[in-house]
Amino acid sequence: MIDLTRNWTGRCYRCGKKVLNHTMSQFNTDLLCLGCADDEKRHPDYSKAVNAERDALKQGNFNFPGIGWTGMPKPVAPSDSPADIFGG
């Protein structure tokens, strides 16, 4: 089994914040601060990532790299077109 925690520098791989505690992402092998790990739980594919890891573990794959992190989806910004603003 690969020990990725040996690469822990004390900084979150996502936000760069210096912290004492960390956990591994459900999406990939990033080592995250607990704040980023909590943010990750709001991703629409979070349960997909958790289930994929659980399935891999059941099959004996203890080095599952995850389903991949694409970042948080961007909220859809309202249009600034005059038709949308003035209803035209």
PDB file of N, CA and C in Angstrom:
ATOM      1  N   MET A   1       0.837  -1.175   0.000  1.00  0.00           N
ATOM      2  CA  MET A   1       0.000   0.000   0.000  1.00  0.00           C
ATOM      3  C   MET A   1       0.887   1.246   0.000  1.00  0.00           C
ATOM      4  N   ILE A   2       0.535   2.219  -0.806  1.00  0.00           N
ATOM      5  CA  ILE A   2       1.291   3.462  -0.903  1.00  0.00           C
ATOM      6  C   ILE A   2       0.911   4.374   0.257  1.00  0.00           C
ATOM      7  N   ASP A   3       1.906   4.947   0.924  1.00  0.00           N
ATOM      8  CA  ASP A   3       1.655   5.863   2.035  1.00  0.00           C
ATOM      9  C   ASP A   3       1.810   7.299   1.543  1.00  0.00           C
ATOM     10  N   LEU A   4       0.705   7.873   1.088  1.00  0.00           N
ATOM     11  CA  LEU A   4       0.752   9.242   0.573  1.00  0.00           C
ATOM     12  C   LEU A   4       0.890  10.276   1.670  1.00  0.00           C
ATOM     13  N   THR A   5       0.591   9.906   2.908  1.00  0.00           N
ATOM     14  CA  THR A   5       0.705  10.885   3.990  1.00  0.00           C
ATOM     15  C   THR A   5       2.155  11.278   4.244  1.00  0.00           C
ATOM     16  N   ARG A   6       3.085  10.482   3.771  1.00  0.00           N
ATOM     17  CA  ARG A   6       4.491  10.865   3.945  1.00  0.00           C
ATOM     18  C   ARG A   6       4.816  12.124   3.141  1.00  0.00           C
ATOM     19  N   ASN A   7       3.948  12.461   2.171  1.00  0.00           N
ATOM     20  CA  ASN A   7       4.141  13.667   1.367  1.00  0.00           C
ATOM     21  C   ASN A   7       3.498  14.900   2.000  1.00  0.00           C
ATOM     22  N   TRP A   8       2.889  14.758   3.167  1.00  0.00           N
ATOM     23  CA  TRP A   8       2.208  15.871   3.822  1.00  0.00           C
ATOM     24  C   TRP A   8       3.236  16.904   4.265  1.00  0.00           C
ATOM     25  N   THR A   9       3.051  18.127   3.792  1.00  0.00           N
ATOM     26  CA  THR A   9       3.965  19.222   4.116  1.00  0.00           C
ATOM     27  C   THR A   9       3.379  20.157   5.164  1.00  0.00           C
ATOM     28  N   GLY A  10       2.132  19.894   5.565  1.00  0.00           N
ATOM     29  CA  GLY A  10       1.468  20.781   6.508  1.00  0.00           C
ATOM     30  C   GLY A  10       0.586  21.800   5.810  1.00  0.00           C
ATOM     31  N   ARG A  11       0.545  21.742   4.466  1.00  0.00           N
ATOM     32  CA  ARG A  11      -0.292  22.655   3.688  1.00  0.00           C
ATOM     33  C   ARG A  11      -1.303  21.866   2.869  1.00  0.00           C
ATOM     34  N   CYS A  12      -2.539  22.357   2.891  1.00  0.00           N
ATOM     35  CA  CYS A  12      -3.606  21.736   2.118  1.00  0.00           C
ATOM     36  C   CYS A  12      -3.269  21.800   0.633  1.00  0.00           C
ATOM     37  N   TYR A  13      -3.468  20.705  -0.073  1.00  0.00           N
ATOM     38  CA  TYR A  13      -3.180  20.659  -1.510  1.00  0.00           C
ATOM     39  C   TYR A  13      -4.119  21.558  -2.312  1.00  0.00           C
ATOM     40  N   ARG A  14      -5.300  21.860  -1.789  1.00  0.00           N
ATOM     41  CA  ARG A  14      -6.265  22.673  -2.534  1.00  0.00           C
ATOM     42  C   ARG A  14      -6.138  24.157  -2.244  1.00  0.00           C
ATOM     43  N   CYS A  15      -6.169  24.521  -0.961  1.00  0.00           N
ATOM     44  CA  CYS A  15      -6.192  25.958  -0.618  1.00  0.00           C
ATOM     45  C   CYS A  15      -4.831  26.479  -0.174  1.00  0.00           C
ATOM     46  N   GLY A  16      -3.914  25.587   0.147  1.00  0.00           N
ATOM     47  CA  GLY A  16      -2.579  25.994   0.560  1.00  0.00           C
ATOM     48  C   GLY A  16      -2.469  26.423   2.013  1.00  0.00           C
ATOM     49  N   LYS A  17      -3.561  26.350   2.750  1.00  0.00           N
ATOM     50  CA  LYS A  17      -3.578  26.766   4.151  1.00  0.00           C
ATOM     51  C   LYS A  17      -2.698  25.843   4.989  1.00  0.00           C
ATOM     52  N   LYS A  18      -1.923  26.437   5.896  1.00  0.00           N
ATOM     53  CA  LYS A  18      -1.072  25.676   6.814  1.00  0.00           C
ATOM     54  C   LYS A  18      -1.947  25.169   7.962  1.00  0.00           C
ATOM     55  N   VAL A  19      -1.994  23.850   8.144  1.00  0.00           N
ATOM     56  CA  VAL A  19      -2.827  23.240   9.183  1.00  0.00           C
ATOM     57  C   VAL A  19      -2.098  22.058   9.822  1.00  0.00           C
ATOM     58  N   LEU A  20      -2.586  21.653  10.974  1.00  0.00           N
ATOM     59  CA  LEU A  20      -2.023  20.490  11.660  1.00  0.00           C
ATOM     60  C   LEU A  20      -2.727  19.199  11.274  1.00  0.00           C
ATOM     61  N   ASN A  21      -4.035  19.278  10.990  1.00  0.00           N
ATOM     62  CA  ASN A  21      -4.817  18.079  10.678  1.00  0.00           C
ATOM     63  C   ASN A  21      -5.169  18.035   9.197  1.00  0.00           C
ATOM     64  N   HIS A  22      -5.241  16.830   8.670  1.00  0.00           N
ATOM     65  CA  HIS A  22      -5.602  16.678   7.260  1.00  0.00           C
ATOM     66  C   HIS A  22      -6.312  15.352   7.045  1.00  0.00           C
ATOM     67  N   THR A  23      -6.912  15.233   5.878  1.00  0.00           N
ATOM     68  CA  THR A  23      -7.558  13.993   5.457  1.00  0.00           C
ATOM     69  C   THR A  23      -7.371  13.871   3.951  1.00  0.00           C
ATOM     70  N   MET A  24      -7.643  12.697   3.414  1.00  0.00           N
ATOM     71  CA  MET A  24      -7.498  12.522   1.973  1.00  0.00           C
ATOM     72  C   MET A  24      -8.827  12.787   1.280  1.00  0.00           C
ATOM     73  N   SER A  25      -8.740  13.372   0.111  1.00  0.00           N
ATOM     74  CA  SER A  25      -9.915  13.645  -0.709  1.00  0.00           C
ATOM     75  C   SER A  25     -10.641  12.351  -1.049  1.00  0.00           C
ATOM     76  N   GLN A  26     -11.945  12.437  -1.235  1.00  0.00           N
ATOM     77  CA  GLN A  26     -12.722  11.304  -1.727  1.00  0.00           C
ATOM     78  C   GLN A  26     -12.612  11.190  -3.251  1.00  0.00           C
ATOM     79  N   PHE A  27     -12.156  12.250  -3.904  1.00  0.00           N
ATOM     80  CA  PHE A  27     -12.102  12.279  -5.368  1.00  0.00           C
ATOM     81  C   PHE A  27     -10.752  11.853  -5.936  1.00  0.00           C
ATOM     82  N   ASN A  28      -9.677  12.124  -5.199  1.00  0.00           N
ATOM     83  CA  ASN A  28      -8.336  11.775  -5.670  1.00  0.00           C
ATOM     84  C   ASN A  28      -7.425  11.609  -4.453  1.00  0.00           C
ATOM     85  N   THR A  29      -6.141  11.679  -4.640  1.00  0.00           N
ATOM     86  CA  THR A  29      -5.216  11.445  -3.537  1.00  0.00           C
ATOM     87  C   THR A  29      -4.704  12.734  -2.908  1.00  0.00           C
ATOM     88  N   ASP A  30      -5.386  13.854  -3.143  1.00  0.00           N
ATOM     89  CA  ASP A  30      -5.000  15.111  -2.505  1.00  0.00           C
ATOM     90  C   ASP A  30      -5.159  15.011  -0.996  1.00  0.00           C
ATOM     91  N   LEU A  31      -4.230  15.590  -0.269  1.00  0.00           N
ATOM     92  CA  LEU A  31      -4.323  15.689   1.179  1.00  0.00           C
ATOM     93  C   LEU A  31      -4.893  17.063   1.500  1.00  0.00           C
ATOM     94  N   LEU A  32      -6.029  17.078   2.196  1.00  0.00           N
ATOM     95  CA  LEU A  32      -6.813  18.294   2.368  1.00  0.00           C
ATOM     96  C   LEU A  32      -6.932  18.720   3.823  1.00  0.00           C
ATOM     97  N   CYS A  33      -7.059  20.030   4.010  1.00  0.00           N
ATOM     98  CA  CYS A  33      -7.440  20.528   5.323  1.00  0.00           C
ATOM     99  C   CYS A  33      -8.903  20.133   5.545  1.00  0.00           C
ATOM    100  N   LEU A  34      -9.332  20.174   6.771  1.00  0.00           N
ATOM    101  CA  LEU A  34     -10.688  19.729   7.072  1.00  0.00           C
ATOM    102  C   LEU A  34     -11.736  20.657   6.466  1.00  0.00           C
ATOM    103  N   GLY A  35     -11.410  21.929   6.281  1.00  0.00           N
ATOM    104  CA  GLY A  35     -12.329  22.853   5.623  1.00  0.00           C
ATOM    105  C   GLY A  35     -12.563  22.490   4.167  1.00  0.00           C
ATOM    106  N   CYS A  36     -11.508  22.179   3.444  1.00  0.00           N
ATOM    107  CA  CYS A  36     -11.656  21.779   2.036  1.00  0.00           C
ATOM    108  C   CYS A  36     -12.355  20.427   1.932  1.00  0.00           C
ATOM    109  N   ALA A  37     -12.096  19.534   2.893  1.00  0.00           N
ATOM    110  CA  ALA A  37     -12.784  18.244   2.892  1.00  0.00           C
ATOM    111  C   ALA A  37     -14.283  18.447   3.105  1.00  0.00           C
ATOM    112  N   ASP A  38     -14.659  19.379   3.974  1.00  0.00           N
ATOM    113  CA  ASP A  38     -16.079  19.681   4.168  1.00  0.00           C
ATOM    114  C   ASP A  38     -16.679  20.293   2.912  1.00  0.00           C
ATOM    115  N   ASP A  39     -15.951  21.192   2.259  1.00  0.00           N
ATOM    116  CA  ASP A  39     -16.434  21.801   1.012  1.00  0.00           C
ATOM    117  C   ASP A  39     -16.661  20.734  -0.053  1.00  0.00           C
ATOM    118  N   GLU A  40     -15.757  19.762  -0.109  1.00  0.00           N
ATOM    119  CA  GLU A  40     -15.839  18.693  -1.096  1.00  0.00           C
ATOM    120  C   GLU A  40     -17.146  17.905  -0.972  1.00  0.00           C
ATOM    121  N   LYS A  41     -17.662  17.814   0.227  1.00  0.00           N
ATOM    122  CA  LYS A  41     -18.903  17.060   0.466  1.00  0.00           C
ATOM    123  C   LYS A  41     -20.105  17.688  -0.224  1.00  0.00           C
ATOM    124  N   ARG A  42     -19.998  18.951  -0.610  1.00  0.00           N
ATOM    125  CA  ARG A  42     -21.098  19.627  -1.305  1.00  0.00           C
ATOM    126  C   ARG A  42     -21.034  19.453  -2.826  1.00  0.00           C
ATOM    127  N   HIS A  43     -20.005  18.796  -3.317  1.00  0.00           N
ATOM    128  CA  HIS A  43     -19.891  18.562  -4.754  1.00  0.00           C
ATOM    129  C   HIS A  43     -20.997  17.606  -5.195  1.00  0.00           C
ATOM    130  N   PRO A  44     -21.637  17.862  -6.348  1.00  0.00           N
ATOM    131  CA  PRO A  44     -22.730  16.985  -6.786  1.00  0.00           C
ATOM    132  C   PRO A  44     -22.325  15.528  -7.014  1.00  0.00           C
ATOM    133  N   ASP A  45     -21.044  15.256  -7.253  1.00  0.00           N
ATOM    134  CA  ASP A  45     -20.577  13.885  -7.482  1.00  0.00           C
ATOM    135  C   ASP A  45     -19.961  13.249  -6.239  1.00  0.00           C
ATOM    136  N   TYR A  46     -20.140  13.869  -5.077  1.00  0.00           N
ATOM    137  CA  TYR A  46     -19.508  13.352  -3.864  1.00  0.00           C
ATOM    138  C   TYR A  46     -19.918  11.906  -3.573  1.00  0.00           C
ATOM    139  N   SER A  47     -21.204  11.617  -3.609  1.00  0.00           N
ATOM    140  CA  SER A  47     -21.644  10.248  -3.303  1.00  0.00           C
ATOM    141  C   SER A  47     -21.124   9.265  -4.351  1.00  0.00           C
ATOM    142  N   LYS A  48     -20.995   9.701  -5.587  1.00  0.00           N
ATOM    143  CA  LYS A  48     -20.419   8.854  -6.638  1.00  0.00           C
ATOM    144  C   LYS A  48     -18.963   8.514  -6.292  1.00  0.00           C
ATOM    145  N   ALA A  49     -18.218   9.508  -5.815  1.00  0.00           N
ATOM    146  CA  ALA A  49     -16.815   9.295  -5.447  1.00  0.00           C
ATOM    147  C   ALA A  49     -16.697   8.345  -4.261  1.00  0.00           C
ATOM    148  N   VAL A  50     -17.543   8.540  -3.256  1.00  0.00           N
ATOM    149  CA  VAL A  50     -17.523   7.682  -2.071  1.00  0.00           C
ATOM    150  C   VAL A  50     -17.862   6.243  -2.453  1.00  0.00           C
ATOM    151  N   ASN A  51     -18.901   6.066  -3.257  1.00  0.00           N
ATOM    152  CA  ASN A  51     -19.308   4.713  -3.667  1.00  0.00           C
ATOM    153  C   ASN A  51     -18.250   4.029  -4.516  1.00  0.00           C
ATOM    154  N   ALA A  52     -17.580   4.790  -5.394  1.00  0.00           N
ATOM    155  CA  ALA A  52     -16.531   4.204  -6.235  1.00  0.00           C
ATOM    156  C   ALA A  52     -15.367   3.718  -5.380  1.00  0.00           C
ATOM    157  N   GLU A  53     -15.003   4.506  -4.368  1.00  0.00           N
ATOM    158  CA  GLU A  53     -13.918   4.067  -3.487  1.00  0.00           C
ATOM    159  C   GLU A  53     -14.328   2.834  -2.681  1.00  0.00           C
ATOM    160  N   ARG A  54     -15.541   2.837  -2.171  1.00  0.00           N
ATOM    161  CA  ARG A  54     -16.027   1.685  -1.405  1.00  0.00           C
ATOM    162  C   ARG A  54     -16.021   0.420  -2.271  1.00  0.00           C
ATOM    163  N   ASP A  55     -16.473   0.540  -3.514  1.00  0.00           N
ATOM    164  CA  ASP A  55     -16.475  -0.609  -4.424  1.00  0.00           C
ATOM    165  C   ASP A  55     -15.057  -1.112  -4.688  1.00  0.00           C
ATOM    166  N   ALA A  56     -14.122  -0.175  -4.860  1.00  0.00           N
ATOM    167  CA  ALA A  56     -12.725  -0.563  -5.095  1.00  0.00           C
ATOM    168  C   ALA A  56     -12.165  -1.301  -3.880  1.00  0.00           C
ATOM    169  N   LEU A  57     -12.451  -0.803  -2.688  1.00  0.00           N
ATOM    170  CA  LEU A  57     -11.969  -1.449  -1.471  1.00  0.00           C
ATOM    171  C   LEU A  57     -12.546  -2.849  -1.325  1.00  0.00           C
ATOM    172  N   LYS A  58     -13.821  -3.015  -1.655  1.00  0.00           N
ATOM    173  CA  LYS A  58     -14.455  -4.338  -1.583  1.00  0.00           C
ATOM    174  C   LYS A  58     -13.778  -5.334  -2.523  1.00  0.00           C
ATOM    175  N   GLN A  59     -13.237  -4.809  -3.637  1.00  0.00           N
ATOM    176  CA  GLN A  59     -12.550  -5.665  -4.608  1.00  0.00           C
ATOM    177  C   GLN A  59     -11.072  -5.845  -4.269  1.00  0.00           C
ATOM    178  N   GLY A  60     -10.649  -5.287  -3.135  1.00  0.00           N
ATOM    179  CA  GLY A  60      -9.264  -5.445  -2.698  1.00  0.00           C
ATOM    180  C   GLY A  60      -8.304  -4.402  -3.235  1.00  0.00           C
ATOM    181  N   ASN A  61      -8.819  -3.373  -3.889  1.00  0.00           N
ATOM    182  CA  ASN A  61      -7.953  -2.314  -4.414  1.00  0.00           C
ATOM    183  C   ASN A  61      -7.754  -1.250  -3.342  1.00  0.00           C
ATOM    184  N   PHE A  62      -6.619  -1.324  -2.657  1.00  0.00           N
ATOM    185  CA  PHE A  62      -6.315  -0.383  -1.589  1.00  0.00           C
ATOM    186  C   PHE A  62      -5.511   0.811  -2.087  1.00  0.00           C
ATOM    187  N   ASN A  63      -5.284   0.897  -3.384  1.00  0.00           N
ATOM    188  CA  ASN A  63      -4.575   2.030  -3.991  1.00  0.00           C
ATOM    189  C   ASN A  63      -5.450   2.728  -5.024  1.00  0.00           C
ATOM    190  N   PHE A  64      -6.749   2.749  -4.795  1.00  0.00           N
ATOM    191  CA  PHE A  64      -7.683   3.384  -5.721  1.00  0.00           C
ATOM    192  C   PHE A  64      -7.381   4.878  -5.803  1.00  0.00           C
ATOM    193  N   PRO A  65      -7.144   5.410  -7.009  1.00  0.00           N
ATOM    194  CA  PRO A  65      -6.775   6.820  -7.144  1.00  0.00           C
ATOM    195  C   PRO A  65      -7.956   7.776  -7.097  1.00  0.00           C
ATOM    196  N   GLY A  66      -9.173   7.258  -7.076  1.00  0.00           N
ATOM    197  CA  GLY A  66     -10.355   8.117  -7.054  1.00  0.00           C
ATOM    198  C   GLY A  66     -10.900   8.343  -8.449  1.00  0.00           C
ATOM    199  N   ILE A  67     -12.040   9.022  -8.501  1.00  0.00           N
ATOM    200  CA  ILE A  67     -12.692   9.270  -9.795  1.00  0.00           C
ATOM    201  C   ILE A  67     -12.182  10.546 -10.451  1.00  0.00           C
ATOM    202  N   GLY A  68     -11.368  11.312  -9.742  1.00  0.00           N
ATOM    203  CA  GLY A  68     -10.806  12.544 -10.291  1.00  0.00           C
ATOM    204  C   GLY A  68     -11.541  13.780  -9.789  1.00  0.00           C
ATOM    205  N   TRP A  69     -10.787  14.822  -9.557  1.00  0.00           N
ATOM    206  CA  TRP A  69     -11.326  16.093  -9.067  1.00  0.00           C
ATOM    207  C   TRP A  69     -11.325  17.093 -10.208  1.00  0.00           C
ATOM    208  N   THR A  70     -12.491  17.614 -10.515  1.00  0.00           N
ATOM    209  CA  THR A  70     -12.608  18.615 -11.579  1.00  0.00           C
ATOM    210  C   THR A  70     -12.891  19.996 -11.014  1.00  0.00           C
ATOM    211  N   GLY A  71     -12.946  20.089  -9.710  1.00  0.00           N
ATOM    212  CA  GLY A  71     -13.262  21.350  -9.056  1.00  0.00           C
ATOM    213  C   GLY A  71     -14.751  21.456  -8.798  1.00  0.00           C
ATOM    214  N   MET A  72     -15.083  22.457  -8.030  1.00  0.00           N
ATOM    215  CA  MET A  72     -16.496  22.686  -7.728  1.00  0.00           C
ATOM    216  C   MET A  72     -17.158  23.300  -8.949  1.00  0.00           C
ATOM    217  N   PRO A  73     -18.390  22.890  -9.231  1.00  0.00           N
ATOM    218  CA  PRO A  73     -19.100  23.495 -10.361  1.00  0.00           C
ATOM    219  C   PRO A  73     -19.321  24.979 -10.100  1.00  0.00           C
ATOM    220  N   LYS A  74     -19.184  25.760 -11.155  1.00  0.00           N
ATOM    221  CA  LYS A  74     -19.393  27.206 -11.037  1.00  0.00           C
ATOM    222  C   LYS A  74     -20.884  27.491 -11.078  1.00  0.00           C
ATOM    223  N   PRO A  75     -21.353  28.389 -10.209  1.00  0.00           N
ATOM    224  CA  PRO A  75     -22.770  28.751 -10.288  1.00  0.00           C
ATOM    225  C   PRO A  75     -23.052  29.480 -11.592  1.00  0.00           C
ATOM    226  N   VAL A  76     -24.226  29.299 -12.099  1.00  0.00           N
ATOM    227  CA  VAL A  76     -24.607  29.959 -13.335  1.00  0.00           C
ATOM    228  C   VAL A  76     -24.920  31.414 -13.009  1.00  0.00           C
ATOM    229  N   ALA A  77     -24.185  32.307 -13.653  1.00  0.00           N
ATOM    230  CA  ALA A  77     -24.384  33.740 -13.417  1.00  0.00           C
ATOM    231  C   ALA A  77     -25.584  34.231 -14.208  1.00  0.00           C
ATOM    232  N   PRO A  78     -26.315  35.162 -13.636  1.00  0.00           N
ATOM    233  CA  PRO A  78     -27.437  35.721 -14.409  1.00  0.00           C
ATOM    234  C   PRO A  78     -26.907  36.452 -15.637  1.00  0.00           C
ATOM    235  N   SER A  79     -27.678  36.440 -16.673  1.00  0.00           N
ATOM    236  CA  SER A  79     -27.300  37.107 -17.903  1.00  0.00           C
ATOM    237  C   SER A  79     -27.340  38.610 -17.724  1.00  0.00           C
ATOM    238  N   ASP A  80     -26.431  39.298 -18.372  1.00  0.00           N
ATOM    239  CA  ASP A  80     -26.423  40.759 -18.326  1.00  0.00           C
ATOM    240  C   ASP A  80     -26.984  41.370 -19.603  1.00  0.00           C
ATOM    241  N   SER A  81     -27.645  40.559 -20.389  1.00  0.00           N
ATOM    242  CA  SER A  81     -28.176  41.115 -21.645  1.00  0.00           C
ATOM    243  C   SER A  81     -29.345  42.045 -21.342  1.00  0.00           C
ATOM    244  N   PRO A  82     -29.512  43.109 -22.112  1.00  0.00           N
ATOM    245  CA  PRO A  82     -30.608  44.040 -21.886  1.00  0.00           C
ATOM    246  C   PRO A  82     -31.971  43.361 -21.913  1.00  0.00           C
ATOM    247  N   ALA A  83     -32.114  42.320 -22.755  1.00  0.00           N
ATOM    248  CA  ALA A  83     -33.402  41.627 -22.824  1.00  0.00           C
ATOM    249  C   ALA A  83     -33.732  40.963 -21.491  1.00  0.00           C
ATOM    250  N   ASP A  84     -32.707  40.416 -20.816  1.00  0.00           N
ATOM    251  CA  ASP A  84     -32.951  39.792 -19.536  1.00  0.00           C
ATOM    252  C   ASP A  84     -33.183  40.831 -18.424  1.00  0.00           C
ATOM    253  N   ILE A  85     -32.467  41.949 -18.527  1.00  0.00           N
ATOM    254  CA  ILE A  85     -32.588  42.973 -17.497  1.00  0.00           C
ATOM    255  C   ILE A  85     -33.924  43.698 -17.588  1.00  0.00           C
ATOM    256  N   PHE A  86     -34.321  44.045 -18.824  1.00  0.00           N
ATOM    257  CA  PHE A  86     -35.523  44.857 -19.021  1.00  0.00           C
ATOM    258  C   PHE A  86     -36.720  44.027 -19.514  1.00  0.00           C
ATOM    259  N   GLY A  87     -36.557  42.730 -19.605  1.00  0.00           N
ATOM    260  CA  GLY A  87     -37.664  41.864 -20.013  1.00  0.00           C
ATOM    261  C   GLY A  87     -38.066  42.014 -21.459  1.00  0.00           C
ATOM    262  N   GLY A  88     -37.099  42.304 -22.322  1.00  0.00           N
ATOM    263  CA  GLY A  88     -37.438  42.530 -23.725  1.00  0.00           C
ATOM    264  C   GLY A  88     -37.099  41.449 -24.648  1.00  0.00           C
TER     265      GLY A  88
END
